Amino acid sequence: AAAAFEAALTVIGPEPALLGGLALTLRAAGRPTAAVEPARRALAARPDDPALGNALASILLCAGRPDEAWPVIRRLRERDPAALEPIAHEAVAARLLADPGYARLYDFERFVR
């Protein structure tokens, strides 16, 4: 599937939807590091697109780069504080960074009571 996106990008050019599709396909194929660059390019072309922002945040987290995901997550949370996907990304990033704020974001004990 990644080859199809790459072929389309060769013909059409750097279309953000195709770059995002390639990035998500690479992540799903277990290649999150390779997915970072097309995800960054997609979001750079459409910085206000929450789907592309969430894709980049997810890819950075999968690639073990939570520190790089923080600014993306912060922008998503500022734009829509109630959106669930950025809240989940924030919790994952905090957990990966051993941030004490993680307990505030995800209090499992309180959740299961």
Protein backbone atom coordinates (compact mmCIF):
# COMPACT_ATOMS: atom_id res chain seq x y z
CA ALA A 1 0.00 0.00 0.00
CA ALA A 2 2.86 2.40 0.75
CA ALA A 3 4.12 1.90 -2.81
CA ALA A 4 0.74 3.03 -4.17
CA PHE A 5 0.89 6.24 -2.12
CA GLU A 6 4.49 6.84 -3.23
CA ALA A 7 3.50 6.33 -6.87
CA ALA A 8 0.59 8.74 -6.51
CA LEU A 9 2.86 11.32 -4.88
CA THR A 10 5.26 11.00 -7.83
CA VAL A 11 2.45 11.74 -10.29
CA ILE A 12 0.39 14.27 -8.30
CA GLY A 13 3.02 15.90 -6.13
CA PRO A 14 3.10 16.54 -2.38
CA GLU A 15 -0.65 16.42 -1.74
CA PRO A 16 -1.20 16.54 2.07
CA ALA A 17 -3.89 13.83 2.00
CA LEU A 18 -1.55 11.47 0.15
CA LEU A 19 1.36 12.29 2.47
CA GLY A 20 -0.89 11.62 5.47
CA GLY A 21 -2.08 8.36 3.94
CA LEU A 22 1.49 7.27 3.29
CA ALA A 23 2.47 8.15 6.85
CA LEU A 24 -0.41 6.21 8.39
CA THR A 25 0.30 3.24 6.11
CA LEU A 26 3.95 3.19 7.15
CA ARG A 27 2.97 3.38 10.82
CA ALA A 28 0.51 0.50 10.38
CA ALA A 29 3.27 -1.49 8.67
CA GLY A 30 5.44 -1.13 11.77
CA ARG A 31 7.64 1.60 10.28
CA PRO A 32 6.82 4.65 12.41
CA THR A 33 10.27 6.20 11.99
CA ALA A 34 9.82 6.22 8.21
CA ALA A 35 6.33 7.70 8.71
CA VAL A 36 7.54 10.82 10.55
CA GLU A 37 8.79 12.76 7.52
CA PRO A 38 5.66 12.44 5.34
CA ALA A 39 3.47 13.16 8.38
CA ARG A 40 5.47 16.33 9.12
CA ARG A 41 5.21 17.44 5.49
CA ALA A 42 1.46 16.84 5.45
CA LEU A 43 0.89 18.87 8.60
CA ALA A 44 3.21 21.65 7.39
CA ALA A 45 1.01 21.99 4.31
CA ARG A 46 -2.22 21.98 6.36
CA PRO A 47 -1.30 23.13 9.88
CA ASP A 48 -4.93 23.53 10.97
CA ASP A 49 -6.00 20.01 9.98
CA PRO A 50 -6.66 18.08 13.22
CA ALA A 51 -6.58 14.70 11.46
CA LEU A 52 -3.05 15.39 10.20
CA GLY A 53 -2.00 16.75 13.62
CA ASN A 54 -3.33 13.65 15.36
CA ALA A 55 -1.62 11.44 12.78
CA LEU A 56 1.75 13.11 13.40
CA ALA A 57 1.33 12.96 17.18
CA SER A 58 0.46 9.27 17.02
CA ILE A 59 3.36 8.50 14.69
CA LEU A 60 5.85 10.36 16.88
CA LEU A 61 4.60 8.46 19.93
CA CYS A 62 4.86 5.14 18.07
CA ALA A 63 8.39 6.08 17.00
CA GLY A 64 9.36 6.62 20.64
CA ARG A 65 9.66 10.40 20.26
CA PRO A 66 7.20 11.76 22.86
CA ASP A 67 9.25 14.93 23.40
CA GLU A 68 8.70 15.83 19.73
CA ALA A 69 5.00 15.00 20.00
CA TRP A 70 4.38 17.50 22.86
CA PRO A 71 4.23 20.67 20.70
CA VAL A 72 1.89 18.99 18.22
CA ILE A 73 -0.34 17.74 21.04
CA ARG A 74 -0.36 21.17 22.71
CA ARG A 75 -1.54 22.84 19.48
CA LEU A 76 -4.29 20.24 19.08
CA ARG A 77 -5.42 20.69 22.71
CA GLU A 78 -5.42 24.50 22.38
CA ARG A 79 -7.62 24.31 19.28
CA ASP A 80 -10.11 21.85 20.77
CA PRO A 81 -9.62 21.18 24.51
CA ALA A 82 -12.40 18.57 24.60
CA ALA A 83 -11.19 16.47 21.65
CA LEU A 84 -10.51 12.96 22.92
CA GLU A 85 -7.67 11.89 20.62
CA PRO A 86 -5.29 14.69 21.66
CA ILE A 87 -6.14 14.01 25.33
CA ALA A 88 -5.16 10.37 24.80
CA HIS A 89 -1.95 11.43 23.02
CA GLU A 90 -1.15 13.75 25.92
CA ALA A 91 -1.58 10.94 28.42
CA VAL A 92 0.61 8.56 26.40
CA ALA A 93 3.34 11.19 25.99
CA ALA A 94 3.27 11.98 29.71
CA ARG A 95 3.51 8.28 30.58
CA LEU A 96 6.39 7.70 28.15
CA LEU A 97 8.26 10.68 29.61
CA ALA A 98 7.52 9.58 33.21
CA ASP A 99 5.87 12.97 33.71
CA PRO A 100 4.20 13.27 37.14
CA GLY A 101 1.27 14.94 35.37
CA TYR A 102 0.34 11.57 33.92
CA ALA A 103 -1.53 10.63 37.11
CA ARG A 104 -3.69 13.75 36.68
CA LEU A 105 -4.47 12.85 33.08
CA TYR A 106 -5.15 9.18 33.66
CA ASP A 107 -6.09 8.08 37.14
CA PHE A 108 -6.91 4.42 36.55
CA GLU A 109 -7.75 3.72 40.19
CA ARG A 110 -10.34 6.51 40.24
CA PHE A 111 -11.69 5.38 36.87
CA VAL A 112 -12.45 1.80 37.98
CA ARG A 113 -14.07 2.61 41.32
